[in-house]
C-alpha cells in the first residue's frame, strides 16, 4: 500500500534538512582553526628581536579580536649579553584558546661587516705600521680584516699605494675597501723609525 507524502510532511523534511545543514556548517566553523598564517617561515636578520606580536604572523583577514587574544611564545636563545637571539631556527607557537599554529623563524646574518672610517693613511718612509690595528671592521658576529696586496705596499719607499682590504664575518659575508696609503719622503733631520 502506497502512502502519500503530505504537504505538511514535505515542509517538515525541508526544515529538518536546513537544520542539519546549518548544524554541519556551525560544527565545521567551530572545528576549523581561525589562525590563518601569512607565511609558515619568516626570516629575521641577526641583531633584530623576534617579534611576539601575533599580528606579525597572522593574515589581515583574521578577526582583530582573535589576533589580540592570540599568545605567541618560543624558546629564546639570546646572543651573549644581548636581547636578540643567536643565529638559528626557532619554532614559535601561536595559541588562541585550544587552537594553535606554528611559525618557523630563521635568524640569519646576511649583513656584511662595515669598515671603520679609514679611507687614507699618511706616513713617512721607513715607519712601520700595523695595518691590522689601523684598518678594522665591525659586525654583530665579529669581523676579521685581511689584506690582498700587502707586498705591493712598500713603506720604505715614498709614494702612493692602494691597499685592498677585505672584511669577513663569521657568516661569510664580505666587504671590500681600497685604502690609499701615502708614504712621504723621510725628512733629512729625522732619525729612527718611530
Protein backbone atom coordinates (compact mmCIF):
# COMPACT_ATOMS: atom_id res chain seq x y z
CA UNK A 1 0.00 0.00 0.00
CA UNK A 2 1.38 3.35 -1.01
CA UNK A 3 1.35 6.33 1.28
CA UNK A 4 1.12 9.83 0.00
CA UNK A 5 3.52 12.44 1.37
CA UNK A 6 1.52 15.39 2.51
CA UNK A 7 2.49 18.98 2.06
CA UNK A 8 3.00 19.29 5.82
CA UNK A 9 5.45 16.35 5.80
CA UNK A 10 7.39 17.89 2.90
CA UNK A 11 7.75 21.16 4.83
CA UNK A 12 8.94 19.29 7.94
CA UNK A 13 11.53 17.38 5.90
CA UNK A 14 12.75 20.61 4.31
CA UNK A 15 13.04 22.35 7.70
CA UNK A 16 14.87 19.33 9.16
CA UNK A 17 17.29 19.33 6.21
CA UNK A 18 18.02 23.05 6.69
CA UNK A 19 18.65 22.47 10.43
CA UNK A 20 21.04 19.57 9.71
CA UNK A 21 22.94 21.63 7.11
CA UNK A 22 23.17 24.66 9.45
CA UNK A 23 24.40 22.45 12.30
CA UNK A 24 27.03 20.93 9.98
CA UNK A 25 28.27 24.36 8.91
CA UNK A 26 28.38 25.55 12.54
CA UNK A 27 30.34 22.45 13.57
CA UNK A 28 32.80 22.94 10.68
CA UNK A 29 33.36 26.58 11.63
CA UNK A 30 33.85 25.66 15.29
CA UNK A 31 36.30 22.87 14.41
CA UNK A 32 38.30 24.90 11.89
CA UNK A 33 41.33 26.82 13.07
CA UNK A 34 40.75 30.60 12.93
CA UNK A 35 44.54 31.20 12.99
CA UNK A 36 45.50 31.81 9.36
CA UNK A 37 49.22 32.45 8.81
CA UNK A 38 50.79 34.97 6.44
CA UNK A 39 53.75 32.58 5.98
CA UNK A 40 54.90 29.37 7.63
CA UNK A 41 58.54 30.52 7.64
CA UNK A 42 59.77 34.03 8.48
CA UNK A 43 63.31 35.40 8.12
CA UNK A 44 64.82 37.74 10.70
CA UNK A 45 68.19 39.49 10.39
CA UNK A 46 70.68 38.70 13.16
CA UNK A 47 70.58 41.60 15.61
CA UNK A 48 66.81 42.11 15.39
CA UNK A 49 64.48 40.79 18.06
CA UNK A 50 61.98 38.07 17.15
CA UNK A 51 58.51 39.55 17.37
CA UNK A 52 56.00 38.05 19.80
CA UNK A 53 53.13 40.09 18.34
CA UNK A 54 50.54 37.83 16.66
CA UNK A 55 49.69 40.48 14.03
CA UNK A 56 53.17 39.99 12.54
CA UNK A 57 52.31 36.38 11.67
CA UNK A 58 48.53 36.21 11.12
CA UNK A 59 46.75 37.28 7.94
CA UNK A 60 44.97 40.63 7.96
CA UNK A 61 41.69 38.78 7.35
CA UNK A 62 41.84 37.17 10.83
CA UNK A 63 39.35 38.74 13.26
CA UNK A 64 41.17 41.55 15.19
CA UNK A 65 39.77 40.21 18.48
CA UNK A 66 41.34 36.81 17.75
CA UNK A 67 44.66 38.47 16.86
CA UNK A 68 44.60 40.43 20.12
CA UNK A 69 43.91 37.28 22.20
CA UNK A 70 46.50 35.09 20.42
CA UNK A 71 49.61 34.43 22.53
CA UNK A 72 52.99 33.94 20.83
CA UNK A 73 55.77 32.06 22.59
CA UNK A 74 59.07 30.37 21.77
CA UNK A 75 62.24 29.18 23.49
CA UNK A 76 64.63 32.12 23.46
CA UNK A 77 68.36 31.70 22.89
CA UNK A 78 69.86 35.18 23.27
CA UNK A 79 73.28 36.10 21.94
CA UNK A 80 75.70 36.72 24.80
CA UNK A 81 74.83 39.94 26.60
CA UNK A 82 72.11 40.84 24.06
CA UNK A 83 68.33 40.90 23.88
CA UNK A 84 68.24 39.42 20.37
CA UNK A 85 68.59 35.71 19.61
CA UNK A 86 71.53 33.77 18.21
CA UNK A 87 71.62 32.66 14.58
CA UNK A 88 69.40 29.59 14.07
CA UNK A 89 65.84 28.31 13.66
CA UNK A 90 63.12 28.95 16.22
CA UNK A 91 59.62 27.48 16.41
CA UNK A 92 57.01 29.99 17.51
CA UNK A 93 53.74 28.72 18.95
CA UNK A 94 50.66 30.86 18.29
CA UNK A 95 47.85 29.90 20.66
CA UNK A 96 44.24 31.08 20.68
CA UNK A 97 42.04 29.12 23.11
CA UNK A 98 42.61 25.46 22.23
CA UNK A 99 43.76 26.29 18.66
CA UNK A 100 47.45 26.51 17.79
CA UNK A 101 49.64 27.22 14.78
CA UNK A 102 53.40 27.17 14.44
CA UNK A 103 55.71 29.50 12.56
CA UNK A 104 59.38 28.80 11.89
CA UNK A 105 61.61 31.86 12.34
CA UNK A 106 65.06 31.69 10.78
CA UNK A 107 67.58 34.12 12.25
CA UNK A 108 70.44 34.66 9.79
CA UNK A 109 73.33 37.06 9.35
CA UNK A 110 73.17 38.45 5.82
CA UNK A 111 74.71 41.84 6.58
CA UNK A 112 78.29 42.48 5.50
CA UNK A 113 80.75 43.94 8.01
CA UNK A 114 81.35 47.69 7.95
CA UNK A 115 84.79 49.22 7.81
CA UNK A 116 85.60 51.80 10.41
CA UNK A 117 86.30 55.26 8.94
CA UNK A 118 89.75 54.70 7.42
CA UNK A 119 89.96 55.94 3.85
CA UNK A 120 93.53 57.17 3.78
CA UNK A 121 96.68 56.68 5.83
CA UNK A 122 99.58 59.16 5.74
CA UNK A 123 103.02 58.07 6.90
CA UNK A 124 106.71 58.71 6.36
CA UNK A 125 109.02 56.28 4.59
CA UNK A 126 110.70 53.84 6.94
CA UNK A 127 107.95 53.99 9.60
CA UNK A 128 106.47 50.56 10.32
CA UNK A 129 102.69 50.44 10.51
CA UNK A 130 100.41 47.76 11.89
CA UNK A 131 97.58 47.79 9.35
CA UNK A 132 95.55 45.28 11.39
CA UNK A 133 95.17 47.84 14.18
CA UNK A 134 94.67 50.81 11.85
CA UNK A 135 92.14 49.21 9.49
CA UNK A 136 89.28 47.49 11.30
CA UNK A 137 85.69 46.48 10.62
CA UNK A 138 82.72 45.84 12.86
CA UNK A 139 79.91 43.30 12.65
CA UNK A 140 77.50 41.85 15.22
CA UNK A 141 79.04 38.40 14.76
CA UNK A 142 82.61 39.72 14.71
CA UNK A 143 84.80 40.53 11.71
CA UNK A 144 88.35 39.93 10.57
CA UNK A 145 90.22 42.03 8.03
CA UNK A 146 92.68 40.59 5.51
CA UNK A 147 94.84 42.47 3.05
CA UNK A 148 95.10 41.17 -0.51
CA UNK A 149 98.16 43.07 -1.75
CA UNK A 150 100.44 43.78 1.22
CA UNK A 151 103.52 43.03 -0.91
CA UNK A 152 102.58 45.92 -3.24
CA UNK A 153 102.75 48.48 -0.39
CA UNK A 154 106.38 49.40 0.39
CA UNK A 155 106.58 51.60 3.47
CA UNK A 156 110.32 52.13 2.86
CA UNK A 157 109.77 53.90 -0.46
CA UNK A 158 107.93 57.23 -0.81
CA UNK A 159 104.85 57.12 -3.00
CA UNK A 160 101.12 56.46 -3.11
CA UNK A 161 99.77 52.93 -2.79
CA UNK A 162 96.35 51.33 -2.70
CA UNK A 163 95.86 48.65 -0.06
CA UNK A 164 93.00 46.27 -0.80
CA UNK A 165 91.23 45.22 2.41
CA UNK A 166 88.57 42.51 2.76
CA UNK A 167 86.47 42.24 5.91
CA UNK A 168 84.69 38.95 6.57
CA UNK A 169 82.26 37.98 9.34
CA UNK A 170 81.57 34.55 10.84
CA UNK A 171 78.62 34.00 8.49
CA UNK A 172 80.84 34.52 5.44
CA UNK A 173 79.56 37.98 4.49
CA UNK A 174 82.29 40.15 2.95
CA UNK A 175 83.01 43.83 2.41
CA UNK A 176 85.87 45.25 0.36
CA UNK A 177 87.62 48.57 0.67
CA UNK A 178 90.54 50.24 -1.08
CA UNK A 179 92.65 52.35 1.30
CA UNK A 180 95.05 54.95 -0.03
CA UNK A 181 98.46 54.80 1.66
CA UNK A 182 100.56 57.95 1.20
CA UNK A 183 104.21 57.46 2.07
CA UNK A 184 106.07 60.78 2.27
CA UNK A 185 109.85 61.08 1.88
CA UNK A 186 111.71 60.90 5.18
CA UNK A 187 112.89 64.36 6.33
CA UNK A 188 116.68 64.69 6.40
CA UNK A 189 116.75 65.53 10.12
CA UNK A 190 114.60 62.52 11.18
CA UNK A 191 116.25 59.56 12.86
CA UNK A 192 114.88 56.11 13.76
CA UNK A 193 111.60 54.66 12.58
CA UNK A 194 109.16 55.92 15.21
